[in-house]
Amino acid sequence: MRNFFLGLGVGLIGGVLLAPKSGTETREYLGEKTDDGLKYLKNRANEVSGAASDLVAQSKVTAADLVDKTKTMASDALDKGKTAAMDALDKGKQALRSVPEINETPNRVSVQRG
């Protein structure tokens, strides 16, 4: 961009100093070239703005997908953890039932959890 403006300025100065045309013709020529430069800049700004908007929209979608995947993975891990804990609890209960010394204790107190 900087080079564009530098070139535009040098061209304008050179054109004014070395102009083979009359003042009116030179001013019209400079006005046309200025308009062309402004149109170019507006088009480029619109292109950059559109590309930035597309990038922001794509980033939002990617972030939302990542959040959804993370939630799913966390939920799956929690479910697996619950299942593993319940399995371990069941195996522990079965192991306690299979020990005869524990089951034959005469003064055993039963504790219920709610």
C-alpha atoms as a PDB file:
ATOM      1  CA  MET A   1       0.000   0.000   0.000  1.00  0.00           C
ATOM      2  CA  ARG A   2       2.775   2.391   0.930  1.00  0.00           C
ATOM      3  CA  ASN A   3       4.477   1.796  -2.401  1.00  0.00           C
ATOM      4  CA  PHE A   4       1.233   2.512  -4.193  1.00  0.00           C
ATOM      5  CA  PHE A   5       0.903   5.953  -2.592  1.00  0.00           C
ATOM      6  CA  LEU A   6       4.575   6.686  -3.137  1.00  0.00           C
ATOM      7  CA  GLY A   7       4.241   5.823  -6.806  1.00  0.00           C
ATOM      8  CA  LEU A   8       1.060   7.828  -7.079  1.00  0.00           C
ATOM      9  CA  GLY A   9       2.735  10.882  -5.554  1.00  0.00           C
ATOM     10  CA  VAL A  10       5.843  10.637  -7.745  1.00  0.00           C
ATOM     11  CA  GLY A  11       3.660  10.173 -10.793  1.00  0.00           C
ATOM     12  CA  LEU A  12       1.546  13.195  -9.964  1.00  0.00           C
ATOM     13  CA  ILE A  13       4.547  15.430  -9.373  1.00  0.00           C
ATOM     14  CA  GLY A  14       6.291  14.220 -12.510  1.00  0.00           C
ATOM     15  CA  GLY A  15       3.127  14.611 -14.511  1.00  0.00           C
ATOM     16  CA  VAL A  16       2.601  18.192 -13.405  1.00  0.00           C
ATOM     17  CA  LEU A  17       6.228  19.202 -14.021  1.00  0.00           C
ATOM     18  CA  LEU A  18       6.603  17.512 -17.380  1.00  0.00           C
ATOM     19  CA  ALA A  19       3.052  17.857 -18.667  1.00  0.00           C
ATOM     20  CA  PRO A  20       2.869  18.391 -22.454  1.00  0.00           C
ATOM     21  CA  LYS A  21      -0.809  19.259 -22.062  1.00  0.00           C
ATOM     22  CA  SER A  22      -2.567  22.407 -20.985  1.00  0.00           C
ATOM     23  CA  GLY A  23      -3.467  23.031 -17.330  1.00  0.00           C
ATOM     24  CA  THR A  24      -7.107  22.087 -17.831  1.00  0.00           C
ATOM     25  CA  GLU A  25      -6.248  18.856 -19.627  1.00  0.00           C
ATOM     26  CA  THR A  26      -3.651  18.000 -16.980  1.00  0.00           C
ATOM     27  CA  ARG A  27      -6.131  18.612 -14.163  1.00  0.00           C
ATOM     28  CA  GLU A  28      -8.718  16.404 -15.878  1.00  0.00           C
ATOM     29  CA  TYR A  29      -6.118  13.692 -16.380  1.00  0.00           C
ATOM     30  CA  LEU A  30      -5.002  13.904 -12.749  1.00  0.00           C
ATOM     31  CA  GLY A  31      -8.643  13.836 -11.590  1.00  0.00           C
ATOM     32  CA  GLU A  32      -9.316  10.690 -13.637  1.00  0.00           C
ATOM     33  CA  LYS A  33      -6.203   8.977 -12.317  1.00  0.00           C
ATOM     34  CA  THR A  34      -7.098   9.988  -8.766  1.00  0.00           C
ATOM     35  CA  ASP A  35     -10.592   8.574  -9.251  1.00  0.00           C
ATOM     36  CA  ASP A  36      -9.076   5.370 -10.640  1.00  0.00           C
ATOM     37  CA  GLY A  37      -6.789   5.119  -7.624  1.00  0.00           C
ATOM     38  CA  LEU A  38      -9.681   5.687  -5.210  1.00  0.00           C
ATOM     39  CA  LYS A  39     -11.800   3.059  -6.965  1.00  0.00           C
ATOM     40  CA  TYR A  40      -8.911   0.623  -6.742  1.00  0.00           C
ATOM     41  CA  LEU A  41      -8.498   1.328  -3.035  1.00  0.00           C
ATOM     42  CA  LYS A  42     -12.237   0.925  -2.380  1.00  0.00           C
ATOM     43  CA  ASN A  43     -12.285  -2.394  -4.250  1.00  0.00           C
ATOM     44  CA  ARG A  44      -9.258  -3.682  -2.348  1.00  0.00           C
ATOM     45  CA  ALA A  45     -10.756  -2.517   0.969  1.00  0.00           C
ATOM     46  CA  ASN A  46     -14.001  -4.360   0.151  1.00  0.00           C
ATOM     47  CA  GLU A  47     -12.063  -7.498  -0.753  1.00  0.00           C
ATOM     48  CA  VAL A  48     -10.036  -7.373   2.449  1.00  0.00           C
ATOM     49  CA  SER A  49     -13.152  -6.679   4.506  1.00  0.00           C
ATOM     50  CA  GLY A  50     -14.956  -9.619   2.894  1.00  0.00           C
ATOM     51  CA  ALA A  51     -12.002 -11.920   3.482  1.00  0.00           C
ATOM     52  CA  ALA A  52     -11.798 -10.809   7.121  1.00  0.00           C
ATOM     53  CA  SER A  53     -15.527 -11.393   7.600  1.00  0.00           C
ATOM     54  CA  ASP A  54     -15.214 -14.863   6.093  1.00  0.00           C
ATOM     55  CA  LEU A  55     -12.280 -15.634   8.362  1.00  0.00           C
ATOM     56  CA  VAL A  56     -14.189 -14.482  11.457  1.00  0.00           C
ATOM     57  CA  ALA A  57     -17.222 -16.567  10.498  1.00  0.00           C
ATOM     58  CA  GLN A  58     -15.057 -19.616   9.855  1.00  0.00           C
ATOM     59  CA  SER A  59     -13.288 -19.108  13.189  1.00  0.00           C
ATOM     60  CA  LYS A  60     -16.633 -18.988  15.008  1.00  0.00           C
ATOM     61  CA  VAL A  61     -17.734 -22.238  13.393  1.00  0.00           C
ATOM     62  CA  THR A  62     -14.417 -23.909  14.195  1.00  0.00           C
ATOM     63  CA  ALA A  63     -14.572 -22.724  17.813  1.00  0.00           C
ATOM     64  CA  ALA A  64     -18.165 -23.951  18.180  1.00  0.00           C
ATOM     65  CA  ASP A  65     -17.186 -27.348  16.746  1.00  0.00           C
ATOM     66  CA  LEU A  66     -14.261 -27.572  19.136  1.00  0.00           C
ATOM     67  CA  VAL A  67     -16.487 -26.732  22.108  1.00  0.00           C
ATOM     68  CA  ASP A  68     -19.030 -29.366  21.035  1.00  0.00           C
ATOM     69  CA  LYS A  69     -16.338 -32.024  20.626  1.00  0.00           C
ATOM     70  CA  THR A  70     -14.857 -31.149  24.013  1.00  0.00           C
ATOM     71  CA  LYS A  71     -18.264 -31.385  25.693  1.00  0.00           C
ATOM     72  CA  THR A  72     -18.902 -34.745  24.049  1.00  0.00           C
ATOM     73  CA  MET A  73     -15.504 -36.088  25.087  1.00  0.00           C
ATOM     74  CA  ALA A  74     -15.999 -34.872  28.669  1.00  0.00           C
ATOM     75  CA  SER A  75     -19.463 -36.423  28.841  1.00  0.00           C
ATOM     76  CA  ASP A  76     -18.162 -39.730  27.477  1.00  0.00           C
ATOM     77  CA  ALA A  77     -15.274 -39.734  29.949  1.00  0.00           C
ATOM     78  CA  LEU A  78     -17.679 -39.013  32.825  1.00  0.00           C
ATOM     79  CA  ASP A  79     -19.975 -41.836  31.739  1.00  0.00           C
ATOM     80  CA  LYS A  80     -17.047 -44.249  31.490  1.00  0.00           C
ATOM     81  CA  GLY A  81     -15.829 -43.143  34.920  1.00  0.00           C
ATOM     82  CA  LYS A  82     -19.251 -43.712  36.454  1.00  0.00           C
ATOM     83  CA  THR A  83     -19.491 -47.141  34.841  1.00  0.00           C
ATOM     84  CA  ALA A  84     -16.014 -48.094  36.043  1.00  0.00           C
ATOM     85  CA  ALA A  85     -16.809 -46.896  39.577  1.00  0.00           C
ATOM     86  CA  MET A  86     -20.058 -48.868  39.670  1.00  0.00           C
ATOM     87  CA  ASP A  87     -18.278 -51.976  38.357  1.00  0.00           C
ATOM     88  CA  ALA A  88     -15.568 -51.612  40.988  1.00  0.00           C
ATOM     89  CA  LEU A  89     -18.190 -51.165  43.716  1.00  0.00           C
ATOM     90  CA  ASP A  90     -20.063 -54.287  42.564  1.00  0.00           C
ATOM     91  CA  LYS A  91     -16.843 -56.308  42.463  1.00  0.00           C
ATOM     92  CA  GLY A  92     -15.951 -55.072  45.948  1.00  0.00           C
ATOM     93  CA  LYS A  93     -19.356 -56.115  47.279  1.00  0.00           C
ATOM     94  CA  GLN A  94     -18.997 -59.550  45.670  1.00  0.00           C
ATOM     95  CA  ALA A  95     -15.527 -59.945  47.131  1.00  0.00           C
ATOM     96  CA  LEU A  96     -16.816 -59.123  50.619  1.00  0.00           C
ATOM     97  CA  ARG A  97     -19.653 -61.623  50.257  1.00  0.00           C
ATOM     98  CA  SER A  98     -17.215 -64.339  49.300  1.00  0.00           C
ATOM     99  CA  VAL A  99     -15.073 -63.973  52.439  1.00  0.00           C
ATOM    100  CA  PRO A 100     -16.547 -66.450  54.982  1.00  0.00           C
ATOM    101  CA  GLU A 101     -15.024 -64.775  58.033  1.00  0.00           C
ATOM    102  CA  ILE A 102     -16.933 -61.583  57.354  1.00  0.00           C
ATOM    103  CA  ASN A 103     -20.248 -63.284  56.643  1.00  0.00           C
ATOM    104  CA  GLU A 104     -20.094 -65.520  59.737  1.00  0.00           C
ATOM    105  CA  THR A 105     -19.406 -62.780  62.298  1.00  0.00           C
ATOM    106  CA  PRO A 106     -22.217 -63.040  64.892  1.00  0.00           C
ATOM    107  CA  ASN A 107     -22.270 -59.417  66.115  1.00  0.00           C
ATOM    108  CA  ARG A 108     -22.117 -57.786  62.749  1.00  0.00           C
ATOM    109  CA  VAL A 109     -23.773 -54.376  62.485  1.00  0.00           C
ATOM    110  CA  SER A 110     -25.384 -53.501  59.203  1.00  0.00           C
ATOM    111  CA  VAL A 111     -25.005 -49.921  57.967  1.00  0.00           C
ATOM    112  CA  GLN A 112     -27.269 -48.676  55.227  1.00  0.00           C
ATOM    113  CA  ARG A 113     -26.346 -45.717  53.095  1.00  0.00           C
ATOM    114  CA  GLY A 114     -28.944 -43.543  51.583  1.00  0.00           C
END
